[in-house]
PDB file of N, CA and C in Angstrom:
ATOM      1  N   MET A   1       5.038  57.064 -43.821  1.00  0.00           N
ATOM      2  CA  MET A   1       6.219  56.333 -43.460  1.00  0.00           C
ATOM      3  C   MET A   1       5.891  54.844 -43.471  1.00  0.00           C
ATOM      4  N   ARG A   2       6.827  54.079 -43.914  1.00  0.00           N
ATOM      5  CA  ARG A   2       6.639  52.633 -44.042  1.00  0.00           C
ATOM      6  C   ARG A   2       6.947  51.937 -42.719  1.00  0.00           C
ATOM      7  N   SER A   3       6.099  50.996 -42.378  1.00  0.00           N
ATOM      8  CA  SER A   3       6.310  50.194 -41.180  1.00  0.00           C
ATOM      9  C   SER A   3       7.209  49.015 -41.530  1.00  0.00           C
ATOM     10  N   HIS A   4       8.178  48.761 -40.697  1.00  0.00           N
ATOM     11  CA  HIS A   4       9.093  47.639 -40.910  1.00  0.00           C
ATOM     12  C   HIS A   4       8.793  46.561 -39.892  1.00  0.00           C
ATOM     13  N   ARG A   5       7.774  45.791 -40.201  1.00  0.00           N
ATOM     14  CA  ARG A   5       7.381  44.700 -39.320  1.00  0.00           C
ATOM     15  C   ARG A   5       8.020  43.415 -39.812  1.00  0.00           C
ATOM     16  N   ASN A   6       8.173  42.505 -38.915  1.00  0.00           N
ATOM     17  CA  ASN A   6       8.701  41.185 -39.283  1.00  0.00           C
ATOM     18  C   ASN A   6       7.544  40.249 -39.548  1.00  0.00           C
ATOM     19  N   ASP A   7       6.857  40.476 -40.652  1.00  0.00           N
ATOM     20  CA  ASP A   7       5.747  39.609 -41.024  1.00  0.00           C
ATOM     21  C   ASP A   7       6.277  38.284 -41.547  1.00  0.00           C
ATOM     22  N   ASN A   8       5.624  37.232 -41.128  1.00  0.00           N
ATOM     23  CA  ASN A   8       5.931  35.918 -41.679  1.00  0.00           C
ATOM     24  C   ASN A   8       4.952  35.679 -42.807  1.00  0.00           C
ATOM     25  N   LEU A   9       5.472  35.591 -44.016  1.00  0.00           N
ATOM     26  CA  LEU A   9       4.627  35.425 -45.188  1.00  0.00           C
ATOM     27  C   LEU A   9       4.683  33.992 -45.671  1.00  0.00           C
ATOM     28  N   LEU A  10       3.567  33.526 -46.172  1.00  0.00           N
ATOM     29  CA  LEU A  10       3.512  32.199 -46.768  1.00  0.00           C
ATOM     30  C   LEU A  10       4.319  32.193 -48.058  1.00  0.00           C
ATOM     31  N   PRO A  11       4.941  31.065 -48.386  1.00  0.00           N
ATOM     32  CA  PRO A  11       5.646  30.996 -49.670  1.00  0.00           C
ATOM     33  C   PRO A  11       4.675  31.276 -50.819  1.00  0.00           C
ATOM     34  N   ALA A  12       5.089  32.135 -51.752  1.00  0.00           N
ATOM     35  CA  ALA A  12       4.214  32.507 -52.863  1.00  0.00           C
ATOM     36  C   ALA A  12       3.888  31.293 -53.738  1.00  0.00           C
ATOM     37  N   TYR A  13       4.879  30.485 -54.015  1.00  0.00           N
ATOM     38  CA  TYR A  13       4.698  29.297 -54.852  1.00  0.00           C
ATOM     39  C   TYR A  13       5.379  28.118 -54.159  1.00  0.00           C
ATOM     40  N   PRO A  14       4.684  27.493 -53.221  1.00  0.00           N
ATOM     41  CA  PRO A  14       5.317  26.365 -52.538  1.00  0.00           C
ATOM     42  C   PRO A  14       5.632  25.236 -53.519  1.00  0.00           C
ATOM     43  N   ARG A  15       6.794  24.629 -53.355  1.00  0.00           N
ATOM     44  CA  ARG A  15       7.232  23.582 -54.273  1.00  0.00           C
ATOM     45  C   ARG A  15       6.831  22.193 -53.817  1.00  0.00           C
ATOM     46  N   PHE A  16       6.624  22.018 -52.522  1.00  0.00           N
ATOM     47  CA  PHE A  16       6.422  20.680 -51.986  1.00  0.00           C
ATOM     48  C   PHE A  16       5.086  20.506 -51.275  1.00  0.00           C
ATOM     49  N   HIS A  17       4.232  21.513 -51.355  1.00  0.00           N
ATOM     50  CA  HIS A  17       2.931  21.476 -50.696  1.00  0.00           C
ATOM     51  C   HIS A  17       1.896  22.128 -51.601  1.00  0.00           C
ATOM     52  N   VAL A  18       0.657  21.667 -51.478  1.00  0.00           N
ATOM     53  CA  VAL A  18      -0.444  22.198 -52.285  1.00  0.00           C
ATOM     54  C   VAL A  18      -1.437  22.868 -51.344  1.00  0.00           C
ATOM     55  N   ALA A  19      -1.812  24.100 -51.656  1.00  0.00           N
ATOM     56  CA  ALA A  19      -2.773  24.822 -50.827  1.00  0.00           C
ATOM     57  C   ALA A  19      -4.156  24.201 -50.981  1.00  0.00           C
ATOM     58  N   ASP A  20      -4.824  24.030 -49.851  1.00  0.00           N
ATOM     59  CA  ASP A  20      -6.210  23.571 -49.927  1.00  0.00           C
ATOM     60  C   ASP A  20      -7.110  24.795 -49.775  1.00  0.00           C
ATOM     61  N   GLY A  21      -8.371  24.623 -49.837  1.00  0.00           N
ATOM     62  CA  GLY A  21      -9.295  25.753 -49.796  1.00  0.00           C
ATOM     63  C   GLY A  21      -9.452  26.394 -48.429  1.00  0.00           C
ATOM     64  N   GLU A  22      -8.865  25.802 -47.401  1.00  0.00           N
ATOM     65  CA  GLU A  22      -9.038  26.301 -46.041  1.00  0.00           C
ATOM     66  C   GLU A  22      -7.829  27.070 -45.522  1.00  0.00           C
ATOM     67  N   GLY A  23      -6.871  27.375 -46.384  1.00  0.00           N
ATOM     68  CA  GLY A  23      -5.697  28.115 -45.962  1.00  0.00           C
ATOM     69  C   GLY A  23      -4.586  27.244 -45.399  1.00  0.00           C
ATOM     70  N   LEU A  24      -4.736  25.926 -45.538  1.00  0.00           N
ATOM     71  CA  LEU A  24      -3.706  25.003 -45.094  1.00  0.00           C
ATOM     72  C   LEU A  24      -3.009  24.410 -46.313  1.00  0.00           C
ATOM     73  N   PHE A  25      -1.938  23.673 -46.064  1.00  0.00           N
ATOM     74  CA  PHE A  25      -1.144  23.121 -47.161  1.00  0.00           C
ATOM     75  C   PHE A  25      -1.010  21.617 -46.989  1.00  0.00           C
ATOM     76  N   LYS A  26      -1.361  20.882 -48.047  1.00  0.00           N
ATOM     77  CA  LYS A  26      -1.227  19.429 -48.046  1.00  0.00           C
ATOM     78  C   LYS A  26       0.135  19.069 -48.625  1.00  0.00           C
ATOM     79  N   PRO A  27       0.847  18.144 -47.986  1.00  0.00           N
ATOM     80  CA  PRO A  27       2.150  17.756 -48.523  1.00  0.00           C
ATOM     81  C   PRO A  27       2.005  16.935 -49.796  1.00  0.00           C
ATOM     82  N   ILE A  28       2.937  17.129 -50.696  1.00  0.00           N
ATOM     83  CA  ILE A  28       3.023  16.296 -51.894  1.00  0.00           C
ATOM     84  C   ILE A  28       3.865  15.085 -51.504  1.00  0.00           C
ATOM     85  N   HIS A  29       3.367  13.896 -51.773  1.00  0.00           N
ATOM     86  CA  HIS A  29       4.062  12.665 -51.392  1.00  0.00           C
ATOM     87  C   HIS A  29       5.059  12.280 -52.480  1.00  0.00           C
ATOM     88  N   PHE A  30       6.305  12.167 -52.094  1.00  0.00           N
ATOM     89  CA  PHE A  30       7.369  11.763 -53.011  1.00  0.00           C
ATOM     90  C   PHE A  30       7.888  10.398 -52.589  1.00  0.00           C
ATOM     91  N   ALA A  31       8.117   9.513 -53.552  1.00  0.00           N
ATOM     92  CA  ALA A  31       8.659   8.191 -53.235  1.00  0.00           C
ATOM     93  C   ALA A  31      10.131   8.287 -52.854  1.00  0.00           C
ATOM     94  N   PHE A  32      10.866   9.152 -53.548  1.00  0.00           N
ATOM     95  CA  PHE A  32      12.294   9.307 -53.294  1.00  0.00           C
ATOM     96  C   PHE A  32      12.617  10.784 -53.119  1.00  0.00           C
ATOM     97  N   VAL A  33      13.446  11.082 -52.131  1.00  0.00           N
ATOM     98  CA  VAL A  33      13.818  12.459 -51.823  1.00  0.00           C
ATOM     99  C   VAL A  33      15.322  12.510 -51.574  1.00  0.00           C
ATOM    100  N   SER A  34      16.009  13.410 -52.269  1.00  0.00           N
ATOM    101  CA  SER A  34      17.439  13.594 -52.039  1.00  0.00           C
ATOM    102  C   SER A  34      17.645  14.389 -50.743  1.00  0.00           C
ATOM    103  N   GLU A  35      18.892  14.446 -50.288  1.00  0.00           N
ATOM    104  CA  GLU A  35      19.178  15.189 -49.059  1.00  0.00           C
ATOM    105  C   GLU A  35      18.817  16.669 -49.215  1.00  0.00           C
ATOM    106  N   ARG A  36      19.143  17.229 -50.364  1.00  0.00           N
ATOM    107  CA  ARG A  36      18.845  18.643 -50.604  1.00  0.00           C
ATOM    108  C   ARG A  36      17.326  18.881 -50.619  1.00  0.00           C
ATOM    109  N   MET A  37      16.601  18.000 -51.277  1.00  0.00           N
ATOM    110  CA  MET A  37      15.148  18.127 -51.355  1.00  0.00           C
ATOM    111  C   MET A  37      14.530  17.977 -49.963  1.00  0.00           C
ATOM    112  N   HIS A  38      15.056  17.058 -49.169  1.00  0.00           N
ATOM    113  CA  HIS A  38      14.584  16.862 -47.799  1.00  0.00           C
ATOM    114  C   HIS A  38      14.755  18.154 -47.000  1.00  0.00           C
ATOM    115  N   ALA A  39      15.918  18.777 -47.102  1.00  0.00           N
ATOM    116  CA  ALA A  39      16.160  20.032 -46.395  1.00  0.00           C
ATOM    117  C   ALA A  39      15.207  21.124 -46.874  1.00  0.00           C
ATOM    118  N   ASP A  40      14.961  21.175 -48.183  1.00  0.00           N
ATOM    119  CA  ASP A  40      14.044  22.181 -48.735  1.00  0.00           C
ATOM    120  C   ASP A  40      12.608  21.959 -48.254  1.00  0.00           C
ATOM    121  N   ILE A  41      12.186  20.702 -48.159  1.00  0.00           N
ATOM    122  CA  ILE A  41      10.839  20.395 -47.672  1.00  0.00           C
ATOM    123  C   ILE A  41      10.691  20.861 -46.229  1.00  0.00           C
ATOM    124  N   LEU A  42      11.684  20.551 -45.403  1.00  0.00           N
ATOM    125  CA  LEU A  42      11.621  20.960 -43.996  1.00  0.00           C
ATOM    126  C   LEU A  42      11.635  22.480 -43.853  1.00  0.00           C
ATOM    127  N   GLN A  43      12.416  23.144 -44.689  1.00  0.00           N
ATOM    128  CA  GLN A  43      12.472  24.607 -44.656  1.00  0.00           C
ATOM    129  C   GLN A  43      11.123  25.206 -45.081  1.00  0.00           C
ATOM    130  N   GLU A  44      10.513  24.641 -46.103  1.00  0.00           N
ATOM    131  CA  GLU A  44       9.214  25.135 -46.549  1.00  0.00           C
ATOM    132  C   GLU A  44       8.159  24.896 -45.480  1.00  0.00           C
ATOM    133  N   ARG A  45       8.208  23.754 -44.814  1.00  0.00           N
ATOM    134  CA  ARG A  45       7.256  23.479 -43.737  1.00  0.00           C
ATOM    135  C   ARG A  45       7.404  24.483 -42.603  1.00  0.00           C
ATOM    136  N   GLU A  46       8.632  24.797 -42.261  1.00  0.00           N
ATOM    137  CA  GLU A  46       8.870  25.770 -41.196  1.00  0.00           C
ATOM    138  C   GLU A  46       8.316  27.142 -41.580  1.00  0.00           C
ATOM    139  N   ALA A  47       8.539  27.550 -42.823  1.00  0.00           N
ATOM    140  CA  ALA A  47       8.029  28.837 -43.294  1.00  0.00           C
ATOM    141  C   ALA A  47       6.505  28.866 -43.248  1.00  0.00           C
ATOM    142  N   ILE A  48       5.873  27.765 -43.629  1.00  0.00           N
ATOM    143  CA  ILE A  48       4.410  27.691 -43.597  1.00  0.00           C
ATOM    144  C   ILE A  48       3.905  27.787 -42.167  1.00  0.00           C
ATOM    145  N   LEU A  49       4.496  27.015 -41.266  1.00  0.00           N
ATOM    146  CA  LEU A  49       4.055  27.035 -39.868  1.00  0.00           C
ATOM    147  C   LEU A  49       4.246  28.407 -39.232  1.00  0.00           C
ATOM    148  N   ASN A  50       5.356  29.068 -39.557  1.00  0.00           N
ATOM    149  CA  ASN A  50       5.618  30.397 -38.990  1.00  0.00           C
ATOM    150  C   ASN A  50       4.648  31.451 -39.497  1.00  0.00           C
ATOM    151  N   ALA A  51       4.115  31.259 -40.689  1.00  0.00           N
ATOM    152  CA  ALA A  51       3.224  32.258 -41.283  1.00  0.00           C
ATOM    153  C   ALA A  51       1.761  32.060 -40.914  1.00  0.00           C
ATOM    154  N   LEU A  52       1.399  30.874 -40.456  1.00  0.00           N
ATOM    155  CA  LEU A  52      -0.002  30.598 -40.138  1.00  0.00           C
ATOM    156  C   LEU A  52      -0.405  31.215 -38.807  1.00  0.00           C
ATOM    157  N   PRO A  53      -1.686  31.554 -38.680  1.00  0.00           N
ATOM    158  CA  PRO A  53      -2.172  32.019 -37.375  1.00  0.00           C
ATOM    159  C   PRO A  53      -2.093  30.869 -36.366  1.00  0.00           C
ATOM    160  N   PRO A  54      -1.875  31.182 -35.098  1.00  0.00           N
ATOM    161  CA  PRO A  54      -1.716  30.134 -34.081  1.00  0.00           C
ATOM    162  C   PRO A  54      -2.861  29.122 -34.048  1.00  0.00           C
ATOM    163  N   ALA A  55      -4.061  29.534 -34.376  1.00  0.00           N
ATOM    164  CA  ALA A  55      -5.207  28.625 -34.343  1.00  0.00           C
ATOM    165  C   ALA A  55      -5.112  27.536 -35.414  1.00  0.00           C
ATOM    166  N   SER A  56      -4.371  27.768 -36.478  1.00  0.00           N
ATOM    167  CA  SER A  56      -4.271  26.812 -37.586  1.00  0.00           C
ATOM    168  C   SER A  56      -3.044  25.910 -37.513  1.00  0.00           C
ATOM    169  N   VAL A  57      -2.116  26.215 -36.633  1.00  0.00           N
ATOM    170  CA  VAL A  57      -0.848  25.488 -36.599  1.00  0.00           C
ATOM    171  C   VAL A  57      -1.050  24.004 -36.282  1.00  0.00           C
ATOM    172  N   ALA A  58      -1.875  23.680 -35.305  1.00  0.00           N
ATOM    173  CA  ALA A  58      -2.082  22.280 -34.923  1.00  0.00           C
ATOM    174  C   ALA A  58      -2.678  21.477 -36.081  1.00  0.00           C
ATOM    175  N   ARG A  59      -3.641  22.053 -36.780  1.00  0.00           N
ATOM    176  CA  ARG A  59      -4.243  21.360 -37.935  1.00  0.00           C
ATOM    177  C   ARG A  59      -3.208  21.153 -39.041  1.00  0.00           C
ATOM    178  N   GLN A  60      -2.372  22.175 -39.252  1.00  0.00           N
ATOM    179  CA  GLN A  60      -1.346  22.063 -40.283  1.00  0.00           C
ATOM    180  C   GLN A  60      -0.325  20.999 -39.915  1.00  0.00           C
ATOM    181  N   GLU A  61       0.056  20.929 -38.664  1.00  0.00           N
ATOM    182  CA  GLU A  61       1.012  19.906 -38.232  1.00  0.00           C
ATOM    183  C   GLU A  61       0.447  18.504 -38.438  1.00  0.00           C
ATOM    184  N   ARG A  62      -0.856  18.332 -38.236  1.00  0.00           N
ATOM    185  CA  ARG A  62      -1.477  17.026 -38.490  1.00  0.00           C
ATOM    186  C   ARG A  62      -1.415  16.672 -39.980  1.00  0.00           C
ATOM    187  N   LEU A  63      -1.589  17.672 -40.842  1.00  0.00           N
ATOM    188  CA  LEU A  63      -1.453  17.421 -42.286  1.00  0.00           C
ATOM    189  C   LEU A  63      -0.021  17.037 -42.634  1.00  0.00           C
ATOM    190  N   PHE A  64       0.943  17.722 -42.043  1.00  0.00           N
ATOM    191  CA  PHE A  64       2.344  17.398 -42.296  1.00  0.00           C
ATOM    192  C   PHE A  64       2.682  15.990 -41.815  1.00  0.00           C
ATOM    193  N   ALA A  65       2.056  15.558 -40.739  1.00  0.00           N
ATOM    194  CA  ALA A  65       2.344  14.231 -40.169  1.00  0.00           C
ATOM    195  C   ALA A  65       1.916  13.100 -41.097  1.00  0.00           C
ATOM    196  N   ARG A  66       1.073  13.376 -42.065  1.00  0.00           N
ATOM    197  CA  ARG A  66       0.621  12.342 -43.008  1.00  0.00           C
ATOM    198  C   ARG A  66       1.726  11.891 -43.955  1.00  0.00           C
ATOM    199  N   TYR A  67       2.753  12.714 -44.113  1.00  0.00           N
ATOM    200  CA  TYR A  67       3.855  12.370 -45.008  1.00  0.00           C
ATOM    201  C   TYR A  67       5.163  12.712 -44.318  1.00  0.00           C
ATOM    202  N   ASP A  68       6.021  11.722 -44.154  1.00  0.00           N
ATOM    203  CA  ASP A  68       7.321  11.914 -43.526  1.00  0.00           C
ATOM    204  C   ASP A  68       8.398  11.921 -44.608  1.00  0.00           C
ATOM    205  N   PRO A  69       8.985  13.088 -44.898  1.00  0.00           N
ATOM    206  CA  PRO A  69      10.013  13.125 -45.937  1.00  0.00           C
ATOM    207  C   PRO A  69      11.261  12.327 -45.553  1.00  0.00           C
ATOM    208  N   GLN A  70      11.439  12.065 -44.263  1.00  0.00           N
ATOM    209  CA  GLN A  70      12.587  11.268 -43.818  1.00  0.00           C
ATOM    210  C   GLN A  70      12.496   9.842 -44.377  1.00  0.00           C
ATOM    211  N   ALA A  71      11.299   9.282 -44.445  1.00  0.00           N
ATOM    212  CA  ALA A  71      11.113   7.941 -45.007  1.00  0.00           C
ATOM    213  C   ALA A  71      11.476   7.925 -46.492  1.00  0.00           C
ATOM    214  N   SER A  72      11.118   8.978 -47.211  1.00  0.00           N
ATOM    215  CA  SER A  72      11.455   9.066 -48.633  1.00  0.00           C
ATOM    216  C   SER A  72      12.949   9.255 -48.834  1.00  0.00           C
ATOM    217  N   LEU A  73      13.578   9.981 -47.926  1.00  0.00           N
ATOM    218  CA  LEU A  73      15.034  10.149 -47.969  1.00  0.00           C
ATOM    219  C   LEU A  73      15.718   8.807 -47.755  1.00  0.00           C
ATOM    220  N   GLN A  74      15.228   8.039 -46.801  1.00  0.00           N
ATOM    221  CA  GLN A  74      15.791   6.708 -46.544  1.00  0.00           C
ATOM    222  C   GLN A  74      15.571   5.781 -47.741  1.00  0.00           C
ATOM    223  N   SER A  75      14.413   5.859 -48.380  1.00  0.00           N
ATOM    224  CA  SER A  75      14.148   5.043 -49.573  1.00  0.00           C
ATOM    225  C   SER A  75      15.128   5.382 -50.692  1.00  0.00           C
ATOM    226  N   PHE A  76      15.412   6.658 -50.851  1.00  0.00           N
ATOM    227  CA  PHE A  76      16.353   7.097 -51.880  1.00  0.00           C
ATOM    228  C   PHE A  76      17.754   6.566 -51.572  1.00  0.00           C
ATOM    229  N   ALA A  77      18.157   6.648 -50.311  1.00  0.00           N
ATOM    230  CA  ALA A  77      19.473   6.149 -49.907  1.00  0.00           C
ATOM    231  C   ALA A  77      19.566   4.637 -50.133  1.00  0.00           C
ATOM    232  N   ASN A  78      18.479   3.919 -49.831  1.00  0.00           N
ATOM    233  CA  ASN A  78      18.465   2.470 -50.054  1.00  0.00           C
ATOM    234  C   ASN A  78      18.568   2.130 -51.538  1.00  0.00           C
ATOM    235  N   LEU A  79      17.882   2.902 -52.371  1.00  0.00           N
ATOM    236  CA  LEU A  79      17.950   2.687 -53.816  1.00  0.00           C
ATOM    237  C   LEU A  79      19.370   2.919 -54.327  1.00  0.00           C
ATOM    238  N   LEU A  80      20.006   3.982 -53.859  1.00  0.00           N
ATOM    239  CA  LEU A  80      21.376   4.269 -54.282  1.00  0.00           C
ATOM    240  C   LEU A  80      22.325   3.149 -53.831  1.00  0.00           C
ATOM    241  N   ARG A  81      22.116   2.649 -52.620  1.00  0.00           N
ATOM    242  CA  ARG A  81      22.939   1.560 -52.107  1.00  0.00           C
ATOM    243  C   ARG A  81      22.763   0.299 -52.963  1.00  0.00           C
ATOM    244  N   LEU A  82      21.549   0.063 -53.451  1.00  0.00           N
ATOM    245  CA  LEU A  82      21.296  -1.105 -54.297  1.00  0.00           C
ATOM    246  C   LEU A  82      22.125  -1.090 -55.581  1.00  0.00           C
ATOM    247  N   VAL A  83      22.333   0.099 -56.110  1.00  0.00           N
ATOM    248  CA  VAL A  83      23.099   0.204 -57.359  1.00  0.00           C
ATOM    249  C   VAL A  83      24.564   0.535 -57.107  1.00  0.00           C
ATOM    250  N   GLY A  84      24.985   0.471 -55.826  1.00  0.00           N
ATOM    251  CA  GLY A  84      26.390   0.643 -55.505  1.00  0.00           C
ATOM    252  C   GLY A  84      26.861   2.064 -55.327  1.00  0.00           C
ATOM    253  N   ILE A  85      25.939   2.970 -55.088  1.00  0.00           N
ATOM    254  CA  ILE A  85      26.310   4.372 -54.842  1.00  0.00           C
ATOM    255  C   ILE A  85      26.022   4.673 -53.393  1.00  0.00           C
ATOM    256  N   SER A  86      27.023   5.252 -52.711  1.00  0.00           N
ATOM    257  CA  SER A  86      26.794   5.579 -51.305  1.00  0.00           C
ATOM    258  C   SER A  86      26.813   7.071 -51.064  1.00  0.00           C
TER     259      SER A  86
END
């Protein structure tokens, strides 16, 4: 009989993070991020954090802190404003 557990699995092919050799994920730094991409990055980060063992979560959060996608989202909005798009 199959067990129906609620396992949290790591994304098979993360789009916005690169796996390092220690089982953690380094963020890919983007200069500009759209609103949709920002939401996808945050969703992928949440999935990664939920799947990691509790002992690795703090280290992973420190890696995530190295890149703030909110700053890239703001840069994108500023660029659009420069060319007259809001």
